[in-house]
Amino acid sequence: MKRISLAALALTTLAAAPALADRGPTQPEATAITATLAAAGFKSWNKIEYDPDGPKWKVDDARALNGKTYDLQLDANTYAIVKKDGD
């Protein structure tokens, strides 16, 4: 039987484990985010991602009813809009 070094085992484990990268919302999260965006006057958006470094939700190219687009950041727990940058 071959011996596997601890370092090789750790590398293999890290490579196989999913990264803690940005992810899309689950259905309940998407429902809550959609409700927040609609209540704030947004009619469409391109991409929603969870950023664990924040933690926060990032919404790209949210289009307001007036036609302007914004990149938004939402609180990870309350889904409240905490930052709004115009494009």
N, C-alpha and C. Protein backbone atom coordinates (compact mmCIF):
# COMPACT_ATOMS: atom_id res chain seq x y z
N MET A 1 0.83 -1.17 0.00
CA MET A 1 0.00 0.00 0.00
C MET A 1 0.88 1.25 0.00
N LYS A 2 0.58 2.20 -0.82
CA LYS A 2 1.37 3.42 -0.91
C LYS A 2 0.93 4.38 0.19
N ARG A 3 1.91 5.14 0.66
CA ARG A 3 1.61 6.16 1.66
C ARG A 3 1.40 7.49 0.96
N ILE A 4 0.41 8.19 1.38
CA ILE A 4 0.13 9.51 0.83
C ILE A 4 0.56 10.53 1.88
N SER A 5 1.34 11.49 1.46
CA SER A 5 1.78 12.51 2.41
C SER A 5 0.61 13.36 2.84
N LEU A 6 0.73 13.92 4.01
CA LEU A 6 -0.32 14.78 4.54
C LEU A 6 -0.53 15.99 3.65
N ALA A 7 0.54 16.53 3.10
CA ALA A 7 0.43 17.69 2.21
C ALA A 7 -0.33 17.33 0.94
N ALA A 8 -0.04 16.17 0.37
CA ALA A 8 -0.74 15.74 -0.84
C ALA A 8 -2.21 15.51 -0.56
N LEU A 9 -2.51 14.95 0.59
CA LEU A 9 -3.90 14.72 0.97
C LEU A 9 -4.64 16.05 1.15
N ALA A 10 -3.98 17.01 1.77
CA ALA A 10 -4.59 18.33 1.97
C ALA A 10 -4.86 19.00 0.63
N LEU A 11 -3.91 18.93 -0.29
CA LEU A 11 -4.11 19.53 -1.61
C LEU A 11 -5.26 18.88 -2.35
N THR A 12 -5.34 17.57 -2.27
CA THR A 12 -6.43 16.85 -2.93
C THR A 12 -7.77 17.24 -2.33
N THR A 13 -7.83 17.36 -1.02
CA THR A 13 -9.06 17.74 -0.35
C THR A 13 -9.47 19.15 -0.72
N LEU A 14 -8.53 20.08 -0.76
CA LEU A 14 -8.84 21.46 -1.12
C LEU A 14 -9.31 21.56 -2.56
N ALA A 15 -8.70 20.80 -3.44
CA ALA A 15 -9.09 20.84 -4.85
C ALA A 15 -10.48 20.27 -5.05
N ALA A 16 -10.88 19.31 -4.24
CA ALA A 16 -12.17 18.67 -4.39
C ALA A 16 -13.29 19.46 -3.70
N ALA A 17 -12.94 20.26 -2.70
CA ALA A 17 -13.95 21.02 -1.96
C ALA A 17 -14.42 22.21 -2.78
N PRO A 18 -15.70 22.54 -2.70
CA PRO A 18 -16.19 23.72 -3.43
C PRO A 18 -15.62 24.98 -2.82
N ALA A 19 -15.29 25.92 -3.65
CA ALA A 19 -14.76 27.19 -3.18
C ALA A 19 -15.88 28.03 -2.58
N LEU A 20 -15.51 28.89 -1.66
CA LEU A 20 -16.50 29.80 -1.07
C LEU A 20 -16.62 31.03 -1.94
N ALA A 21 -16.93 30.80 -3.17
CA ALA A 21 -17.05 31.88 -4.14
C ALA A 21 -18.46 32.42 -4.15
N ASP A 22 -18.65 33.48 -4.92
CA ASP A 22 -19.99 34.04 -5.07
C ASP A 22 -20.93 32.96 -5.59
N ARG A 23 -22.18 33.02 -5.15
CA ARG A 23 -23.18 32.05 -5.59
C ARG A 23 -24.49 32.78 -5.85
N GLY A 24 -25.34 32.14 -6.58
CA GLY A 24 -26.66 32.70 -6.83
C GLY A 24 -27.58 32.44 -5.65
N PRO A 25 -28.72 33.10 -5.61
CA PRO A 25 -29.65 32.92 -4.50
C PRO A 25 -30.46 31.63 -4.61
N THR A 26 -30.84 31.11 -3.45
CA THR A 26 -31.80 30.01 -3.42
C THR A 26 -33.17 30.59 -3.75
N GLN A 27 -34.17 29.74 -3.92
CA GLN A 27 -35.51 30.24 -4.25
C GLN A 27 -36.05 31.18 -3.17
N PRO A 28 -35.97 30.83 -1.88
CA PRO A 28 -36.47 31.76 -0.85
C PRO A 28 -35.69 33.08 -0.84
N GLU A 29 -34.38 33.02 -1.04
CA GLU A 29 -33.58 34.24 -1.09
C GLU A 29 -33.96 35.09 -2.30
N ALA A 30 -34.15 34.46 -3.45
CA ALA A 30 -34.52 35.18 -4.66
C ALA A 30 -35.88 35.87 -4.48
N THR A 31 -36.81 35.21 -3.80
CA THR A 31 -38.12 35.79 -3.54
C THR A 31 -38.00 37.04 -2.68
N ALA A 32 -37.18 36.96 -1.62
CA ALA A 32 -36.99 38.11 -0.73
C ALA A 32 -36.28 39.25 -1.44
N ILE A 33 -35.28 38.94 -2.24
CA ILE A 33 -34.54 39.96 -2.98
C ILE A 33 -35.45 40.64 -4.01
N THR A 34 -36.22 39.84 -4.71
CA THR A 34 -37.15 40.38 -5.70
C THR A 34 -38.16 41.32 -5.05
N ALA A 35 -38.66 40.96 -3.89
CA ALA A 35 -39.62 41.81 -3.18
C ALA A 35 -38.97 43.14 -2.80
N THR A 36 -37.74 43.10 -2.32
CA THR A 36 -37.02 44.32 -1.96
C THR A 36 -36.81 45.21 -3.18
N LEU A 37 -36.36 44.61 -4.28
CA LEU A 37 -36.09 45.39 -5.49
C LEU A 37 -37.36 46.00 -6.06
N ALA A 38 -38.43 45.24 -6.09
CA ALA A 38 -39.70 45.75 -6.62
C ALA A 38 -40.23 46.88 -5.75
N ALA A 39 -40.13 46.73 -4.43
CA ALA A 39 -40.60 47.78 -3.52
C ALA A 39 -39.78 49.06 -3.66
N ALA A 40 -38.52 48.93 -4.08
CA ALA A 40 -37.65 50.09 -4.26
C ALA A 40 -37.78 50.69 -5.66
N GLY A 41 -38.64 50.12 -6.49
CA GLY A 41 -38.89 50.69 -7.80
C GLY A 41 -38.02 50.16 -8.93
N PHE A 42 -37.48 48.97 -8.76
CA PHE A 42 -36.68 48.36 -9.83
C PHE A 42 -37.54 47.36 -10.58
N LYS A 43 -37.39 47.36 -11.91
CA LYS A 43 -38.24 46.48 -12.73
C LYS A 43 -37.48 45.30 -13.31
N SER A 44 -36.14 45.37 -13.38
CA SER A 44 -35.36 44.25 -13.91
C SER A 44 -33.92 44.37 -13.43
N TRP A 45 -33.17 43.29 -13.59
CA TRP A 45 -31.76 43.25 -13.20
C TRP A 45 -31.12 42.08 -13.92
N ASN A 46 -29.79 42.10 -13.97
CA ASN A 46 -29.09 41.05 -14.70
C ASN A 46 -28.66 39.89 -13.84
N LYS A 47 -27.88 40.15 -12.81
CA LYS A 47 -27.29 39.05 -12.05
C LYS A 47 -27.35 39.36 -10.56
N ILE A 48 -27.64 38.33 -9.77
CA ILE A 48 -27.64 38.44 -8.32
C ILE A 48 -26.64 37.42 -7.79
N GLU A 49 -25.71 37.88 -6.97
CA GLU A 49 -24.71 36.98 -6.38
C GLU A 49 -24.52 37.29 -4.90
N TYR A 50 -24.31 36.23 -4.13
CA TYR A 50 -23.98 36.37 -2.72
C TYR A 50 -22.48 36.48 -2.59
N ASP A 51 -22.02 37.50 -1.89
CA ASP A 51 -20.59 37.70 -1.66
C ASP A 51 -20.32 37.42 -0.18
N PRO A 52 -19.71 36.26 0.14
CA PRO A 52 -19.49 35.91 1.54
C PRO A 52 -18.47 36.81 2.23
N ASP A 53 -17.68 37.56 1.47
CA ASP A 53 -16.69 38.44 2.07
C ASP A 53 -17.35 39.65 2.73
N GLY A 54 -18.57 39.99 2.32
CA GLY A 54 -19.27 41.15 2.84
C GLY A 54 -19.77 40.97 4.26
N PRO A 55 -20.59 40.04 4.59
CA PRO A 55 -21.39 39.33 3.58
C PRO A 55 -22.47 40.25 3.04
N LYS A 56 -22.78 40.09 1.76
CA LYS A 56 -23.77 40.94 1.11
C LYS A 56 -24.25 40.28 -0.17
N TRP A 57 -25.35 40.77 -0.68
CA TRP A 57 -25.86 40.38 -1.99
C TRP A 57 -25.48 41.48 -2.96
N LYS A 58 -25.01 41.11 -4.14
CA LYS A 58 -24.67 42.07 -5.19
C LYS A 58 -25.66 41.88 -6.33
N VAL A 59 -26.24 42.98 -6.78
CA VAL A 59 -27.20 42.96 -7.88
C VAL A 59 -26.63 43.84 -8.98
N ASP A 60 -26.39 43.25 -10.14
CA ASP A 60 -25.80 43.98 -11.27
C ASP A 60 -26.89 44.51 -12.19
N ASP A 61 -26.71 45.75 -12.61
CA ASP A 61 -27.55 46.39 -13.62
C ASP A 61 -29.04 46.35 -13.30
N ALA A 62 -29.37 46.78 -12.09
CA ALA A 62 -30.78 46.88 -11.71
C ALA A 62 -31.37 48.11 -12.41
N ARG A 63 -32.44 47.91 -13.16
CA ARG A 63 -33.05 49.00 -13.93
C ARG A 63 -34.26 49.54 -13.18
N ALA A 64 -34.18 50.83 -12.88
CA ALA A 64 -35.27 51.50 -12.18
C ALA A 64 -36.39 51.83 -13.16
N LEU A 65 -37.54 52.19 -12.62
CA LEU A 65 -38.69 52.55 -13.45
C LEU A 65 -38.41 53.76 -14.34
N ASN A 66 -37.46 54.62 -13.92
CA ASN A 66 -37.10 55.79 -14.72
C ASN A 66 -36.09 55.46 -15.82
N GLY A 67 -35.69 54.19 -15.92
CA GLY A 67 -34.78 53.74 -16.97
C GLY A 67 -33.31 53.75 -16.59
N LYS A 68 -32.96 54.36 -15.48
CA LYS A 68 -31.55 54.37 -15.05
C LYS A 68 -31.17 53.02 -14.48
N THR A 69 -29.88 52.65 -14.64
CA THR A 69 -29.41 51.37 -14.11
C THR A 69 -28.43 51.62 -12.96
N TYR A 70 -28.44 50.68 -12.03
CA TYR A 70 -27.61 50.78 -10.83
C TYR A 70 -27.05 49.41 -10.49
N ASP A 71 -25.88 49.42 -9.87
CA ASP A 71 -25.35 48.23 -9.21
C ASP A 71 -25.68 48.40 -7.73
N LEU A 72 -26.28 47.37 -7.16
CA LEU A 72 -26.75 47.45 -5.78
C LEU A 72 -26.04 46.46 -4.89
N GLN A 73 -26.01 46.79 -3.60
CA GLN A 73 -25.58 45.85 -2.58
C GLN A 73 -26.69 45.79 -1.54
N LEU A 74 -27.05 44.57 -1.16
CA LEU A 74 -28.11 44.34 -0.19
C LEU A 74 -27.54 43.67 1.04
N ASP A 75 -28.07 44.01 2.19
CA ASP A 75 -27.67 43.37 3.44
C ASP A 75 -27.95 41.87 3.34
N ALA A 76 -27.03 41.07 3.81
CA ALA A 76 -27.15 39.61 3.68
C ALA A 76 -28.30 39.03 4.49
N ASN A 77 -28.70 39.70 5.57
CA ASN A 77 -29.75 39.16 6.44
C ASN A 77 -31.11 39.79 6.22
N THR A 78 -31.13 41.11 6.03
CA THR A 78 -32.41 41.81 5.92
C THR A 78 -32.82 42.08 4.48
N TYR A 79 -31.89 41.95 3.55
CA TYR A 79 -32.10 42.23 2.13
C TYR A 79 -32.34 43.71 1.83
N ALA A 80 -32.09 44.57 2.81
CA ALA A 80 -32.24 46.01 2.60
C ALA A 80 -31.11 46.51 1.69
N ILE A 81 -31.43 47.46 0.85
CA ILE A 81 -30.41 48.05 -0.04
C ILE A 81 -29.50 48.92 0.81
N VAL A 82 -28.20 48.60 0.80
CA VAL A 82 -27.24 49.35 1.61
C VAL A 82 -26.30 50.20 0.76
N LYS A 83 -26.25 49.94 -0.54
CA LYS A 83 -25.40 50.73 -1.42
C LYS A 83 -26.00 50.72 -2.83
N LYS A 84 -25.94 51.88 -3.47
CA LYS A 84 -26.52 52.02 -4.82
C LYS A 84 -25.56 52.88 -5.65
N ASP A 85 -24.96 52.26 -6.66
CA ASP A 85 -24.04 52.97 -7.55
C ASP A 85 -24.67 53.08 -8.93
N GLY A 86 -24.76 54.30 -9.43
CA GLY A 86 -25.31 54.51 -10.78
C GLY A 86 -24.31 54.10 -11.84
N ASP A 87 -24.81 53.53 -12.91
CA ASP A 87 -23.95 53.14 -14.05
C ASP A 87 -23.80 54.27 -15.02
